[in-house]
C-alpha atoms as a PDB file:
ATOM      1  CA  UNK A   1      -1.216-183.790  -2.283  1.00  0.00           C
ATOM      2  CA  UNK A   2      -3.593-181.129  -0.927  1.00  0.00           C
ATOM      3  CA  UNK A   3      -1.072-178.344  -1.367  1.00  0.00           C
ATOM      4  CA  UNK A   4      -0.523-179.404  -4.998  1.00  0.00           C
ATOM      5  CA  UNK A   5      -4.266-179.205  -5.649  1.00  0.00           C
ATOM      6  CA  UNK A   6      -4.393-175.818  -3.920  1.00  0.00           C
ATOM      7  CA  UNK A   7      -1.426-174.579  -5.953  1.00  0.00           C
ATOM      8  CA  UNK A   8      -3.038-175.691  -9.216  1.00  0.00           C
ATOM      9  CA  UNK A   9      -6.325-174.036  -8.226  1.00  0.00           C
ATOM     10  CA  UNK A  10      -4.552-170.762  -7.486  1.00  0.00           C
ATOM     11  CA  UNK A  11      -2.732-170.934 -10.817  1.00  0.00           C
ATOM     12  CA  UNK A  12      -6.035-171.428 -12.652  1.00  0.00           C
ATOM     13  CA  UNK A  13      -7.626-168.503 -10.801  1.00  0.00           C
ATOM     14  CA  UNK A  14      -4.673-166.223 -11.513  1.00  0.00           C
ATOM     15  CA  UNK A  15      -4.751-167.206 -15.192  1.00  0.00           C
ATOM     16  CA  UNK A  16      -8.491-166.509 -15.410  1.00  0.00           C
ATOM     17  CA  UNK A  17      -8.101-163.107 -13.760  1.00  0.00           C
ATOM     18  CA  UNK A  18      -5.176-162.260 -16.050  1.00  0.00           C
ATOM     19  CA  UNK A  19      -7.045-163.314 -19.176  1.00  0.00           C
ATOM     20  CA  UNK A  20     -10.144-161.390 -18.079  1.00  0.00           C
ATOM     21  CA  UNK A  21      -8.019-158.268 -17.567  1.00  0.00           C
ATOM     22  CA  UNK A  22      -6.569-158.571 -21.064  1.00  0.00           C
ATOM     23  CA  UNK A  23     -10.013-159.207 -22.529  1.00  0.00           C
ATOM     24  CA  UNK A  24     -11.237-155.874 -21.167  1.00  0.00           C
ATOM     25  CA  UNK A  25      -8.995-153.800 -23.485  1.00  0.00           C
ATOM     26  CA  UNK A  26     -11.098-152.643 -26.432  1.00  0.00           C
ATOM     27  CA  UNK A  27     -11.753-149.835 -28.851  1.00  0.00           C
ATOM     28  CA  UNK A  28     -15.463-149.459 -29.660  1.00  0.00           C
ATOM     29  CA  UNK A  29     -16.459-147.122 -32.490  1.00  0.00           C
ATOM     30  CA  UNK A  30     -19.684-145.087 -32.675  1.00  0.00           C
ATOM     31  CA  UNK A  31     -21.233-142.611 -35.068  1.00  0.00           C
ATOM     32  CA  UNK A  32     -22.917-139.794 -33.158  1.00  0.00           C
ATOM     33  CA  UNK A  33     -25.648-137.657 -34.759  1.00  0.00           C
ATOM     34  CA  UNK A  34     -26.759-134.677 -32.691  1.00  0.00           C
ATOM     35  CA  UNK A  35     -28.384-131.260 -32.597  1.00  0.00           C
ATOM     36  CA  UNK A  36     -26.643-128.378 -30.880  1.00  0.00           C
ATOM     37  CA  UNK A  37     -29.897-126.416 -31.175  1.00  0.00           C
ATOM     38  CA  UNK A  38     -32.972-128.478 -30.314  1.00  0.00           C
ATOM     39  CA  UNK A  39     -35.249-126.045 -32.188  1.00  0.00           C
ATOM     40  CA  UNK A  40     -33.421-126.415 -35.516  1.00  0.00           C
ATOM     41  CA  UNK A  41     -33.512-129.287 -38.013  1.00  0.00           C
ATOM     42  CA  UNK A  42     -29.750-129.283 -38.649  1.00  0.00           C
ATOM     43  CA  UNK A  43     -28.113-132.531 -37.536  1.00  0.00           C
ATOM     44  CA  UNK A  44     -24.378-132.682 -36.985  1.00  0.00           C
ATOM     45  CA  UNK A  45     -22.324-135.834 -36.785  1.00  0.00           C
ATOM     46  CA  UNK A  46     -19.072-136.966 -35.273  1.00  0.00           C
ATOM     47  CA  UNK A  47     -17.112-140.205 -35.208  1.00  0.00           C
ATOM     48  CA  UNK A  48     -16.549-141.227 -31.595  1.00  0.00           C
ATOM     49  CA  UNK A  49     -14.417-143.868 -29.913  1.00  0.00           C
ATOM     50  CA  UNK A  50     -14.863-145.668 -26.606  1.00  0.00           C
ATOM     51  CA  UNK A  51     -11.580-146.889 -25.133  1.00  0.00           C
ATOM     52  CA  UNK A  52     -11.966-149.632 -22.529  1.00  0.00           C
ATOM     53  CA  UNK A  53      -9.114-150.783 -20.330  1.00  0.00           C
ATOM     54  CA  UNK A  54      -9.828-152.866 -17.227  1.00  0.00           C
ATOM     55  CA  UNK A  55     -12.088-150.772 -14.952  1.00  0.00           C
ATOM     56  CA  UNK A  56     -11.804-147.520 -16.923  1.00  0.00           C
ATOM     57  CA  UNK A  57     -13.286-146.226 -20.146  1.00  0.00           C
ATOM     58  CA  UNK A  58     -12.840-143.039 -22.159  1.00  0.00           C
ATOM     59  CA  UNK A  59     -15.357-141.732 -24.689  1.00  0.00           C
ATOM     60  CA  UNK A  60     -14.324-138.930 -27.020  1.00  0.00           C
ATOM     61  CA  UNK A  61     -13.921-137.981 -30.671  1.00  0.00           C
ATOM     62  CA  UNK A  62     -11.996-140.310 -32.935  1.00  0.00           C
ATOM     63  CA  UNK A  63     -10.234-137.283 -34.408  1.00  0.00           C
ATOM     64  CA  UNK A  64      -8.933-136.280 -30.966  1.00  0.00           C
ATOM     65  CA  UNK A  65      -7.880-139.880 -30.276  1.00  0.00           C
ATOM     66  CA  UNK A  66      -5.863-139.958 -33.501  1.00  0.00           C
ATOM     67  CA  UNK A  67      -4.286-136.600 -32.657  1.00  0.00           C
ATOM     68  CA  UNK A  68      -3.395-137.826 -29.148  1.00  0.00           C
ATOM     69  CA  UNK A  69      -1.808-140.961 -30.634  1.00  0.00           C
ATOM     70  CA  UNK A  70       0.328-138.795 -32.925  1.00  0.00           C
ATOM     71  CA  UNK A  71       1.335-136.549 -30.021  1.00  0.00           C
ATOM     72  CA  UNK A  72       2.361-139.588 -27.926  1.00  0.00           C
ATOM     73  CA  UNK A  73       4.583-140.974 -30.694  1.00  0.00           C
ATOM     74  CA  UNK A  74       6.116-137.598 -31.548  1.00  0.00           C
ATOM     75  CA  UNK A  75       6.924-136.854 -27.914  1.00  0.00           C
ATOM     76  CA  UNK A  76       8.870-140.109 -27.749  1.00  0.00           C
ATOM     77  CA  UNK A  77      10.923-138.830 -30.694  1.00  0.00           C
ATOM     78  CA  UNK A  78      11.252-135.318 -29.287  1.00  0.00           C
ATOM     79  CA  UNK A  79       9.155-133.896 -32.117  1.00  0.00           C
ATOM     80  CA  UNK A  80       6.566-131.143 -31.599  1.00  0.00           C
ATOM     81  CA  UNK A  81       2.969-131.763 -32.702  1.00  0.00           C
ATOM     82  CA  UNK A  82      -0.022-129.607 -33.508  1.00  0.00           C
ATOM     83  CA  UNK A  83      -2.551-130.208 -30.726  1.00  0.00           C
ATOM     84  CA  UNK A  84      -6.298-130.389 -31.317  1.00  0.00           C
ATOM     85  CA  UNK A  85      -8.907-129.386 -28.737  1.00  0.00           C
ATOM     86  CA  UNK A  86     -11.842-131.567 -29.783  1.00  0.00           C
ATOM     87  CA  UNK A  87     -12.873-132.470 -26.220  1.00  0.00           C
ATOM     88  CA  UNK A  88     -16.598-131.851 -26.578  1.00  0.00           C
ATOM     89  CA  UNK A  89     -18.566-134.842 -25.231  1.00  0.00           C
ATOM     90  CA  UNK A  90     -15.500-136.436 -23.611  1.00  0.00           C
ATOM     91  CA  UNK A  91     -16.304-138.696 -20.635  1.00  0.00           C
ATOM     92  CA  UNK A  92     -14.023-140.885 -18.500  1.00  0.00           C
ATOM     93  CA  UNK A  93     -15.699-143.570 -16.373  1.00  0.00           C
ATOM     94  CA  UNK A  94     -14.241-145.671 -13.572  1.00  0.00           C
ATOM     95  CA  UNK A  95     -16.460-148.655 -12.787  1.00  0.00           C
ATOM     96  CA  UNK A  96     -14.348-149.606  -9.764  1.00  0.00           C
ATOM     97  CA  UNK A  97     -14.709-146.299  -7.927  1.00  0.00           C
ATOM     98  CA  UNK A  98     -18.117-145.579  -9.548  1.00  0.00           C
ATOM     99  CA  UNK A  99     -16.989-142.100 -10.566  1.00  0.00           C
ATOM    100  CA  UNK A 100     -16.931-140.287 -13.869  1.00  0.00           C
ATOM    101  CA  UNK A 101     -15.289-137.167 -15.242  1.00  0.00           C
ATOM    102  CA  UNK A 102     -16.875-134.765 -17.703  1.00  0.00           C
ATOM    103  CA  UNK A 103     -14.812-132.341 -19.767  1.00  0.00           C
ATOM    104  CA  UNK A 104     -15.528-128.897 -21.178  1.00  0.00           C
ATOM    105  CA  UNK A 105     -13.176-126.954 -23.436  1.00  0.00           C
ATOM    106  CA  UNK A 106     -13.179-123.210 -23.916  1.00  0.00           C
ATOM    107  CA  UNK A 107     -10.638-121.873 -26.393  1.00  0.00           C
ATOM    108  CA  UNK A 108      -7.463-123.767 -25.372  1.00  0.00           C
ATOM    109  CA  UNK A 109      -8.577-124.306 -21.764  1.00  0.00           C
ATOM    110  CA  UNK A 110      -9.858-127.710 -20.653  1.00  0.00           C
ATOM    111  CA  UNK A 111     -11.983-128.174 -17.506  1.00  0.00           C
ATOM    112  CA  UNK A 112     -12.659-131.442 -15.693  1.00  0.00           C
ATOM    113  CA  UNK A 113     -15.751-131.987 -13.550  1.00  0.00           C
ATOM    114  CA  UNK A 114     -15.649-135.180 -11.460  1.00  0.00           C
ATOM    115  CA  UNK A 115     -18.757-136.636  -9.886  1.00  0.00           C
ATOM    116  CA  UNK A 116     -20.387-139.851  -8.744  1.00  0.00           C
ATOM    117  CA  UNK A 117     -21.514-142.076 -11.609  1.00  0.00           C
ATOM    118  CA  UNK A 118     -25.311-142.263 -11.907  1.00  0.00           C
ATOM    119  CA  UNK A 119     -27.291-145.426 -11.220  1.00  0.00           C
ATOM    120  CA  UNK A 120     -29.448-145.879 -14.297  1.00  0.00           C
ATOM    121  CA  UNK A 121     -32.939-147.317 -13.949  1.00  0.00           C
ATOM    122  CA  UNK A 122     -32.868-149.406 -17.117  1.00  0.00           C
ATOM    123  CA  UNK A 123     -36.117-150.959 -18.333  1.00  0.00           C
ATOM    124  CA  UNK A 124     -35.228-154.132 -20.265  1.00  0.00           C
ATOM    125  CA  UNK A 125     -37.848-155.397 -22.707  1.00  0.00           C
ATOM    126  CA  UNK A 126     -38.285-158.815 -24.356  1.00  0.00           C
ATOM    127  CA  UNK A 127     -38.115-157.429 -27.907  1.00  0.00           C
ATOM    128  CA  UNK A 128     -35.017-158.442 -29.925  1.00  0.00           C
ATOM    129  CA  UNK A 129     -33.593-157.776 -33.380  1.00  0.00           C
ATOM    130  CA  UNK A 130     -30.300-158.043 -35.265  1.00  0.00           C
ATOM    131  CA  UNK A 131     -28.119-154.925 -35.541  1.00  0.00           C
ATOM    132  CA  UNK A 132     -24.653-154.917 -37.132  1.00  0.00           C
ATOM    133  CA  UNK A 133     -24.641-158.708 -37.031  1.00  0.00           C
ATOM    134  CA  UNK A 134     -25.395-158.930 -33.302  1.00  0.00           C
ATOM    135  CA  UNK A 135     -28.525-160.155 -31.572  1.00  0.00           C
ATOM    136  CA  UNK A 136     -29.754-157.136 -29.637  1.00  0.00           C
ATOM    137  CA  UNK A 137     -32.375-156.608 -26.957  1.00  0.00           C
ATOM    138  CA  UNK A 138     -34.387-153.459 -26.413  1.00  0.00           C
ATOM    139  CA  UNK A 139     -34.243-151.272 -23.311  1.00  0.00           C
ATOM    140  CA  UNK A 140     -35.452-147.818 -22.337  1.00  0.00           C
ATOM    141  CA  UNK A 141     -34.268-145.139 -19.964  1.00  0.00           C
ATOM    142  CA  UNK A 142     -35.596-141.865 -18.602  1.00  0.00           C
ATOM    143  CA  UNK A 143     -32.709-139.767 -17.332  1.00  0.00           C
ATOM    144  CA  UNK A 144     -31.753-136.109 -16.897  1.00  0.00           C
ATOM    145  CA  UNK A 145     -34.548-134.667 -19.002  1.00  0.00           C
ATOM    146  CA  UNK A 146     -34.440-137.151 -21.871  1.00  0.00           C
ATOM    147  CA  UNK A 147     -36.175-140.434 -22.703  1.00  0.00           C
ATOM    148  CA  UNK A 148     -33.997-142.969 -24.485  1.00  0.00           C
ATOM    149  CA  UNK A 149     -34.527-146.057 -26.650  1.00  0.00           C
ATOM    150  CA  UNK A 150     -31.580-148.457 -26.425  1.00  0.00           C
ATOM    151  CA  UNK A 151     -30.500-151.696 -28.077  1.00  0.00           C
ATOM    152  CA  UNK A 152     -27.733-153.729 -26.441  1.00  0.00           C
ATOM    153  CA  UNK A 153     -26.116-157.076 -27.157  1.00  0.00           C
ATOM    154  CA  UNK A 154     -25.052-159.774 -24.731  1.00  0.00           C
ATOM    155  CA  UNK A 155     -22.938-161.225 -27.545  1.00  0.00           C
ATOM    156  CA  UNK A 156     -20.257-158.761 -26.408  1.00  0.00           C
ATOM    157  CA  UNK A 157     -19.736-159.134 -22.666  1.00  0.00           C
ATOM    158  CA  UNK A 158     -18.954-155.479 -21.986  1.00  0.00           C
ATOM    159  CA  UNK A 159     -21.395-153.602 -19.766  1.00  0.00           C
ATOM    160  CA  UNK A 160     -20.480-150.347 -21.478  1.00  0.00           C
ATOM    161  CA  UNK A 161     -21.864-147.765 -23.859  1.00  0.00           C
ATOM    162  CA  UNK A 162     -21.373-144.279 -25.313  1.00  0.00           C
ATOM    163  CA  UNK A 163     -21.034-141.127 -23.227  1.00  0.00           C
ATOM    164  CA  UNK A 164     -22.059-141.579 -19.570  1.00  0.00           C
ATOM    165  CA  UNK A 165     -24.146-144.698 -20.239  1.00  0.00           C
ATOM    166  CA  UNK A 166     -23.330-148.202 -18.982  1.00  0.00           C
ATOM    167  CA  UNK A 167     -24.622-150.960 -16.705  1.00  0.00           C
ATOM    168  CA  UNK A 168     -26.711-153.043 -19.098  1.00  0.00           C
ATOM    169  CA  UNK A 169     -25.891-156.784 -19.380  1.00  0.00           C
ATOM    170  CA  UNK A 170     -24.003-156.215 -22.629  1.00  0.00           C
ATOM    171  CA  UNK A 171     -22.619-153.547 -24.944  1.00  0.00           C
ATOM    172  CA  UNK A 172     -24.907-150.734 -26.135  1.00  0.00           C
ATOM    173  CA  UNK A 173     -25.105-150.992 -29.929  1.00  0.00           C
ATOM    174  CA  UNK A 174     -27.639-148.274 -30.629  1.00  0.00           C
ATOM    175  CA  UNK A 175     -29.444-145.567 -28.687  1.00  0.00           C
ATOM    176  CA  UNK A 176     -31.373-142.387 -29.379  1.00  0.00           C
ATOM    177  CA  UNK A 177     -33.560-140.019 -27.428  1.00  0.00           C
ATOM    178  CA  UNK A 178     -37.237-139.860 -28.307  1.00  0.00           C
ATOM    179  CA  UNK A 179     -36.983-136.269 -29.624  1.00  0.00           C
ATOM    180  CA  UNK A 180     -34.128-137.187 -31.997  1.00  0.00           C
ATOM    181  CA  UNK A 181     -31.603-134.796 -30.494  1.00  0.00           C
ATOM    182  CA  UNK A 182     -28.943-137.488 -30.000  1.00  0.00           C
ATOM    183  CA  UNK A 183     -28.293-140.796 -31.717  1.00  0.00           C
ATOM    184  CA  UNK A 184     -25.394-143.219 -31.170  1.00  0.00           C
ATOM    185  CA  UNK A 185     -24.784-146.021 -33.681  1.00  0.00           C
ATOM    186  CA  UNK A 186     -22.177-148.757 -33.206  1.00  0.00           C
ATOM    187  CA  UNK A 187     -19.808-148.986 -36.197  1.00  0.00           C
ATOM    188  CA  UNK A 188     -17.180-151.462 -35.027  1.00  0.00           C
ATOM    189  CA  UNK A 189     -15.069-152.962 -32.266  1.00  0.00           C
ATOM    190  CA  UNK A 190     -11.392-153.843 -32.030  1.00  0.00           C
ATOM    191  CA  UNK A 191      -9.525-155.681 -29.316  1.00  0.00           C
ATOM    192  CA  UNK A 192      -6.420-153.729 -28.364  1.00  0.00           C
ATOM    193  CA  UNK A 193      -4.093-154.492 -25.481  1.00  0.00           C
ATOM    194  CA  UNK A 194      -2.367-151.090 -25.692  1.00  0.00           C
ATOM    195  CA  UNK A 195      -4.974-148.512 -24.770  1.00  0.00           C
ATOM    196  CA  UNK A 196      -3.988-145.306 -22.950  1.00  0.00           C
ATOM    197  CA  UNK A 197      -7.028-144.067 -21.052  1.00  0.00           C
ATOM    198  CA  UNK A 198      -5.468-141.314 -18.972  1.00  0.00           C
ATOM    199  CA  UNK A 199      -3.373-139.503 -21.608  1.00  0.00           C
ATOM    200  CA  UNK A 200      -4.159-135.842 -22.292  1.00  0.00           C
ATOM    201  CA  UNK A 201      -2.352-133.808 -24.918  1.00  0.00           C
ATOM    202  CA  UNK A 202      -3.172-130.672 -22.931  1.00  0.00           C
ATOM    203  CA  UNK A 203      -3.446-130.126 -19.147  1.00  0.00           C
ATOM    204  CA  UNK A 204      -6.863-129.664 -17.554  1.00  0.00           C
ATOM    205  CA  UNK A 205      -8.190-127.720 -14.582  1.00  0.00           C
ATOM    206  CA  UNK A 206     -10.346-129.535 -12.005  1.00  0.00           C
ATOM    207  CA  UNK A 207     -13.511-127.554 -11.200  1.00  0.00           C
ATOM    208  CA  UNK A 208     -16.757-127.954  -9.312  1.00  0.00           C
ATOM    209  CA  UNK A 209     -20.156-127.715 -11.000  1.00  0.00           C
ATOM    210  CA  UNK A 210     -20.624-124.224  -9.575  1.00  0.00           C
ATOM    211  CA  UNK A 211     -17.187-123.085 -10.762  1.00  0.00           C
ATOM    212  CA  UNK A 212     -17.775-124.465 -14.267  1.00  0.00           C
ATOM    213  CA  UNK A 213     -21.130-122.687 -14.513  1.00  0.00           C
ATOM    214  CA  UNK A 214     -19.420-119.427 -13.524  1.00  0.00           C
ATOM    215  CA  UNK A 215     -16.721-119.894 -16.184  1.00  0.00           C
ATOM    216  CA  UNK A 216     -19.354-120.437 -18.879  1.00  0.00           C
ATOM    217  CA  UNK A 217     -21.578-117.568 -17.753  1.00  0.00           C
ATOM    218  CA  UNK A 218     -18.571-115.221 -17.517  1.00  0.00           C
ATOM    219  CA  UNK A 219     -17.688-116.197 -21.077  1.00  0.00           C
ATOM    220  CA  UNK A 220     -21.280-115.555 -22.159  1.00  0.00           C
ATOM    221  CA  UNK A 221     -21.282-112.109 -20.538  1.00  0.00           C
ATOM    222  CA  UNK A 222     -18.061-111.073 -22.297  1.00  0.00           C
ATOM    223  CA  UNK A 223     -17.133-113.659 -24.978  1.00  0.00           C
ATOM    224  CA  UNK A 224     -14.427-111.480 -26.563  1.00  0.00           C
ATOM    225  CA  UNK A 225     -12.698-110.451 -23.332  1.00  0.00           C
ATOM    226  CA  UNK A 226      -9.497-112.380 -24.095  1.00  0.00           C
ATOM    227  CA  UNK A 227      -9.268-110.791 -27.545  1.00  0.00           C
ATOM    228  CA  UNK A 228      -9.971-107.285 -26.283  1.00  0.00           C
ATOM    229  CA  UNK A 229      -7.267-107.601 -23.616  1.00  0.00           C
ATOM    230  CA  UNK A 230      -4.789-109.077 -26.088  1.00  0.00           C
ATOM    231  CA  UNK A 231      -4.449-112.439 -24.343  1.00  0.00           C
ATOM    232  CA  UNK A 232      -5.599-114.017 -27.611  1.00  0.00           C
ATOM    233  CA  UNK A 233      -4.174-112.415 -30.720  1.00  0.00           C
ATOM    234  CA  UNK A 234      -6.608-112.065 -33.629  1.00  0.00           C
ATOM    235  CA  UNK A 235      -6.039-110.270 -36.920  1.00  0.00           C
ATOM    236  CA  UNK A 236      -9.383-108.995 -38.146  1.00  0.00           C
ATOM    237  CA  UNK A 237      -9.561-108.664 -41.944  1.00  0.00           C
ATOM    238  CA  UNK A 238     -12.358-107.872 -44.350  1.00  0.00           C
ATOM    239  CA  UNK A 239     -13.154-109.913 -47.491  1.00  0.00           C
ATOM    240  CA  UNK A 240     -10.366-108.064 -49.335  1.00  0.00           C
ATOM    241  CA  UNK A 241      -7.793-108.867 -46.664  1.00  0.00           C
ATOM    242  CA  UNK A 242      -7.748-105.317 -45.297  1.00  0.00           C
ATOM    243  CA  UNK A 243      -7.366-105.057 -41.479  1.00  0.00           C
ATOM    244  CA  UNK A 244     -10.218-103.452 -39.583  1.00  0.00           C
ATOM    245  CA  UNK A 245     -11.235-102.767 -35.992  1.00  0.00           C
ATOM    246  CA  UNK A 246     -14.182-104.975 -34.998  1.00  0.00           C
ATOM    247  CA  UNK A 247     -17.386-103.774 -33.364  1.00  0.00           C
ATOM    248  CA  UNK A 248     -17.152-105.891 -30.206  1.00  0.00           C
ATOM    249  CA  UNK A 249     -20.576-104.767 -29.020  1.00  0.00           C
ATOM    250  CA  UNK A 250     -22.262-106.215 -32.122  1.00  0.00           C
ATOM    251  CA  UNK A 251     -20.045-109.312 -32.067  1.00  0.00           C
ATOM    252  CA  UNK A 252     -20.923-109.919 -28.416  1.00  0.00           C
ATOM    253  CA  UNK A 253     -24.641-109.678 -29.126  1.00  0.00           C
ATOM    254  CA  UNK A 254     -24.388-112.202 -31.974  1.00  0.00           C
ATOM    255  CA  UNK A 255     -22.218-114.579 -29.966  1.00  0.00           C
ATOM    256  CA  UNK A 256     -24.588-114.497 -26.997  1.00  0.00           C
ATOM    257  CA  UNK A 257     -27.480-115.419 -29.294  1.00  0.00           C
ATOM    258  CA  UNK A 258     -25.424-118.315 -30.659  1.00  0.00           C
ATOM    259  CA  UNK A 259     -24.465-119.577 -27.176  1.00  0.00           C
ATOM    260  CA  UNK A 260     -28.081-119.504 -25.986  1.00  0.00           C
ATOM    261  CA  UNK A 261     -29.304-121.389 -29.049  1.00  0.00           C
ATOM    262  CA  UNK A 262     -26.558-124.027 -28.896  1.00  0.00           C
ATOM    263  CA  UNK A 263     -27.239-125.132 -25.339  1.00  0.00           C
ATOM    264  CA  UNK A 264     -28.458-128.698 -25.828  1.00  0.00           C
ATOM    265  CA  UNK A 265     -26.243-131.128 -23.853  1.00  0.00           C
ATOM    266  CA  UNK A 266     -26.749-134.904 -23.696  1.00  0.00           C
ATOM    267  CA  UNK A 267     -27.805-134.496 -20.063  1.00  0.00           C
ATOM    268  CA  UNK A 268     -30.484-131.891 -20.636  1.00  0.00           C
ATOM    269  CA  UNK A 269     -30.668-131.047 -16.923  1.00  0.00           C
ATOM    270  CA  UNK A 270     -27.065-129.794 -17.194  1.00  0.00           C
ATOM    271  CA  UNK A 271     -27.963-127.035 -19.671  1.00  0.00           C
ATOM    272  CA  UNK A 272     -26.591-123.712 -18.438  1.00  0.00           C
ATOM    273  CA  UNK A 273     -29.188-121.113 -17.482  1.00  0.00           C
ATOM    274  CA  UNK A 274     -27.789-118.038 -19.214  1.00  0.00           C
ATOM    275  CA  UNK A 275     -29.015-114.536 -18.315  1.00  0.00           C
END
């Protein structure tokens, strides 16, 4: 009799674990408004998607996700696809190993920086309000040079959020920094049992923080190097379609000004210190 009870208990536990695993497969949609230059008023926006599968999550642009999905299907059919490189803001988190990967793209090159996931010092407040049909509670966070206002809901039992953020007792529905440089707004959620977290339509190079900084500073110092050496082919034409030889010195000066101005990452402490 005892072994029957034990067997039934094990079956129940296995079923619960299995169901919990399935329940962790989601697509969460966000609208991201952001400034690439903190001193300008221009606000850009991008539709983002948070894929959640078991212990892993992947946050990146919805456009890149759709392109990756097309590439996956076409590869099965042996058909070539046009590949996008919209990897700005992409983050992969692993809650089991407590590690995360950040990605930086430069031309067609993709770099991965892996590091320990941060422990956020969330301040949860009693204030509540309804957002997108969910009862949400307010929280705040001071991290990496920015102060954040956050609203999360325990109605969705996912301790996840956009970008690097997670760890609250519920899903982050809305968050923005106090200087209005970044804003994430929840736009929807879909349960999906077929979610490919680790797929990349292009290979990446693993780098350290020091190596990545060198890559970016080298690019700043000579942003048109690949074009001047012919590694990247560019046909320069004027407004009438007539080919001309560019003034790389002037182009470099303008590009360096642009790079310095557009140096406003989510983690402000990670901003590159250009010469």
